[in-house]
């Protein structure tokens, strides 16, 4: 009984971490689209720190997919592939831990 509870807790934590990382990827995509549209915030340390954090956390993971998936006419489909792979990893890992 205790082992099942611990496994469920571990699965919940892993699922939450993956969910937060997916949100970070989506926020990064939205920020990049806003920058491409010409909407840049004025320089401030806070906004620069947030943007640097997003870039440092999301870019290494997206770079893995950019190696295999070229950009098509300026469109970058690597975030879509990254989000799909995170969903697959989430379902496989969580089901593997619980099941």
C-alpha atoms as a PDB file:
ATOM      1  CA  UNK A   1       0.000   0.000   0.000  1.00  0.00           C
ATOM      2  CA  UNK A   2       2.801   2.411   0.881  1.00  0.00           C
ATOM      3  CA  UNK A   3       4.705   1.535  -2.284  1.00  0.00           C
ATOM      4  CA  UNK A   4       1.657   2.236  -4.461  1.00  0.00           C
ATOM      5  CA  UNK A   5       1.186   5.594  -2.792  1.00  0.00           C
ATOM      6  CA  UNK A   6       4.843   6.535  -3.299  1.00  0.00           C
ATOM      7  CA  UNK A   7       4.689   5.468  -6.944  1.00  0.00           C
ATOM      8  CA  UNK A   8       1.602   7.589  -7.460  1.00  0.00           C
ATOM      9  CA  UNK A   9       3.285  10.574  -5.836  1.00  0.00           C
ATOM     10  CA  UNK A  10       6.393  10.172  -7.992  1.00  0.00           C
ATOM     11  CA  UNK A  11       4.246   9.898 -11.120  1.00  0.00           C
ATOM     12  CA  UNK A  12       2.389  13.052 -10.102  1.00  0.00           C
ATOM     13  CA  UNK A  13       5.607  15.007  -9.580  1.00  0.00           C
ATOM     14  CA  UNK A  14       7.051  13.882 -12.926  1.00  0.00           C
ATOM     15  CA  UNK A  15       3.805  14.757 -14.667  1.00  0.00           C
ATOM     16  CA  UNK A  16       3.766  18.204 -13.044  1.00  0.00           C
ATOM     17  CA  UNK A  17       7.382  18.893 -14.069  1.00  0.00           C
ATOM     18  CA  UNK A  18       6.625  17.943 -17.662  1.00  0.00           C
ATOM     19  CA  UNK A  19       3.489  20.126 -17.605  1.00  0.00           C
ATOM     20  CA  UNK A  20       5.467  23.148 -16.344  1.00  0.00           C
ATOM     21  CA  UNK A  21       8.090  22.618 -19.039  1.00  0.00           C
ATOM     22  CA  UNK A  22       5.350  22.493 -21.674  1.00  0.00           C
ATOM     23  CA  UNK A  23       4.032  25.819 -20.391  1.00  0.00           C
ATOM     24  CA  UNK A  24       7.547  27.288 -20.588  1.00  0.00           C
ATOM     25  CA  UNK A  25       7.815  26.176 -24.211  1.00  0.00           C
ATOM     26  CA  UNK A  26       4.447  27.747 -25.048  1.00  0.00           C
ATOM     27  CA  UNK A  27       5.380  31.025 -23.334  1.00  0.00           C
ATOM     28  CA  UNK A  28       8.682  31.025 -25.217  1.00  0.00           C
ATOM     29  CA  UNK A  29       6.833  30.529 -28.520  1.00  0.00           C
ATOM     30  CA  UNK A  30       4.431  33.383 -27.776  1.00  0.00           C
ATOM     31  CA  UNK A  31       7.278  35.722 -26.780  1.00  0.00           C
ATOM     32  CA  UNK A  32       9.183  34.875 -29.964  1.00  0.00           C
ATOM     33  CA  UNK A  33       6.068  35.534 -32.070  1.00  0.00           C
ATOM     34  CA  UNK A  34       5.582  38.900 -30.374  1.00  0.00           C
ATOM     35  CA  UNK A  35       9.214  39.774 -31.029  1.00  0.00           C
ATOM     36  CA  UNK A  36       8.795  38.771 -34.677  1.00  0.00           C
ATOM     37  CA  UNK A  37       5.787  41.107 -34.872  1.00  0.00           C
ATOM     38  CA  UNK A  38       7.954  43.960 -33.643  1.00  0.00           C
ATOM     39  CA  UNK A  39       6.630  44.203 -30.096  1.00  0.00           C
ATOM     40  CA  UNK A  40       9.676  44.476 -27.882  1.00  0.00           C
ATOM     41  CA  UNK A  41       9.442  45.614 -24.297  1.00  0.00           C
ATOM     42  CA  UNK A  42      11.714  48.453 -23.248  1.00  0.00           C
ATOM     43  CA  UNK A  43      14.913  47.289 -21.604  1.00  0.00           C
ATOM     44  CA  UNK A  44      14.616  46.441 -17.955  1.00  0.00           C
ATOM     45  CA  UNK A  45      16.507  44.016 -15.790  1.00  0.00           C
ATOM     46  CA  UNK A  46      13.378  42.074 -14.850  1.00  0.00           C
ATOM     47  CA  UNK A  47      12.153  41.479 -18.396  1.00  0.00           C
ATOM     48  CA  UNK A  48      15.671  40.697 -19.566  1.00  0.00           C
ATOM     49  CA  UNK A  49      16.080  38.147 -16.770  1.00  0.00           C
ATOM     50  CA  UNK A  50      12.786  36.457 -17.630  1.00  0.00           C
ATOM     51  CA  UNK A  51      13.602  36.329 -21.332  1.00  0.00           C
ATOM     52  CA  UNK A  52      17.085  34.977 -20.625  1.00  0.00           C
ATOM     53  CA  UNK A  53      15.612  32.321 -18.315  1.00  0.00           C
ATOM     54  CA  UNK A  54      13.147  31.230 -20.997  1.00  0.00           C
ATOM     55  CA  UNK A  55      15.885  31.094 -23.605  1.00  0.00           C
ATOM     56  CA  UNK A  56      18.259  29.155 -21.366  1.00  0.00           C
ATOM     57  CA  UNK A  57      15.667  26.571 -20.343  1.00  0.00           C
ATOM     58  CA  UNK A  58      13.835  25.995 -23.627  1.00  0.00           C
ATOM     59  CA  UNK A  59      16.446  26.447 -26.372  1.00  0.00           C
ATOM     60  CA  UNK A  60      18.611  23.380 -25.553  1.00  0.00           C
ATOM     61  CA  UNK A  61      15.584  21.075 -25.762  1.00  0.00           C
ATOM     62  CA  UNK A  62      14.289  22.679 -28.960  1.00  0.00           C
ATOM     63  CA  UNK A  63      17.746  22.528 -30.511  1.00  0.00           C
ATOM     64  CA  UNK A  64      17.533  18.723 -30.372  1.00  0.00           C
ATOM     65  CA  UNK A  65      14.560  18.809 -32.720  1.00  0.00           C
ATOM     66  CA  UNK A  66      15.923  21.557 -34.960  1.00  0.00           C
ATOM     67  CA  UNK A  67      18.740  19.246 -35.978  1.00  0.00           C
ATOM     68  CA  UNK A  68      16.268  16.819 -37.514  1.00  0.00           C
ATOM     69  CA  UNK A  69      13.539  19.187 -38.642  1.00  0.00           C
ATOM     70  CA  UNK A  70      14.520  22.051 -40.946  1.00  0.00           C
ATOM     71  CA  UNK A  71      12.579  25.316 -40.909  1.00  0.00           C
ATOM     72  CA  UNK A  72      10.115  25.699 -43.731  1.00  0.00           C
ATOM     73  CA  UNK A  73      10.072  29.220 -45.131  1.00  0.00           C
ATOM     74  CA  UNK A  74      10.739  30.840 -41.780  1.00  0.00           C
ATOM     75  CA  UNK A  75       8.370  28.577 -39.854  1.00  0.00           C
ATOM     76  CA  UNK A  76       9.880  26.560 -37.053  1.00  0.00           C
ATOM     77  CA  UNK A  77       7.982  23.355 -36.310  1.00  0.00           C
ATOM     78  CA  UNK A  78      10.397  22.086 -33.673  1.00  0.00           C
ATOM     79  CA  UNK A  79       8.239  23.324 -30.728  1.00  0.00           C
ATOM     80  CA  UNK A  80       5.305  21.277 -31.997  1.00  0.00           C
ATOM     81  CA  UNK A  81       7.438  18.167 -32.213  1.00  0.00           C
ATOM     82  CA  UNK A  82       8.926  18.945 -28.795  1.00  0.00           C
ATOM     83  CA  UNK A  83       5.477  19.278 -27.192  1.00  0.00           C
ATOM     84  CA  UNK A  84       4.246  16.060 -28.801  1.00  0.00           C
ATOM     85  CA  UNK A  85       7.321  14.182 -27.580  1.00  0.00           C
ATOM     86  CA  UNK A  86       6.825  15.559 -24.053  1.00  0.00           C
ATOM     87  CA  UNK A  87       3.244  14.334 -24.103  1.00  0.00           C
ATOM     88  CA  UNK A  88       4.386  10.882 -25.232  1.00  0.00           C
ATOM     89  CA  UNK A  89       7.095  10.767 -22.576  1.00  0.00           C
ATOM     90  CA  UNK A  90       4.594  11.861 -19.963  1.00  0.00           C
ATOM     91  CA  UNK A  91       2.094   9.164 -20.864  1.00  0.00           C
ATOM     92  CA  UNK A  92       4.712   6.418 -21.149  1.00  0.00           C
ATOM     93  CA  UNK A  93       6.575   7.293 -17.943  1.00  0.00           C
ATOM     94  CA  UNK A  94       3.527   7.957 -15.804  1.00  0.00           C
ATOM     95  CA  UNK A  95       1.759   4.811 -17.009  1.00  0.00           C
ATOM     96  CA  UNK A  96       4.989   2.852 -16.476  1.00  0.00           C
ATOM     97  CA  UNK A  97       5.328   4.076 -12.906  1.00  0.00           C
ATOM     98  CA  UNK A  98       1.690   3.636 -11.950  1.00  0.00           C
ATOM     99  CA  UNK A  99       1.061   0.460 -13.900  1.00  0.00           C
END
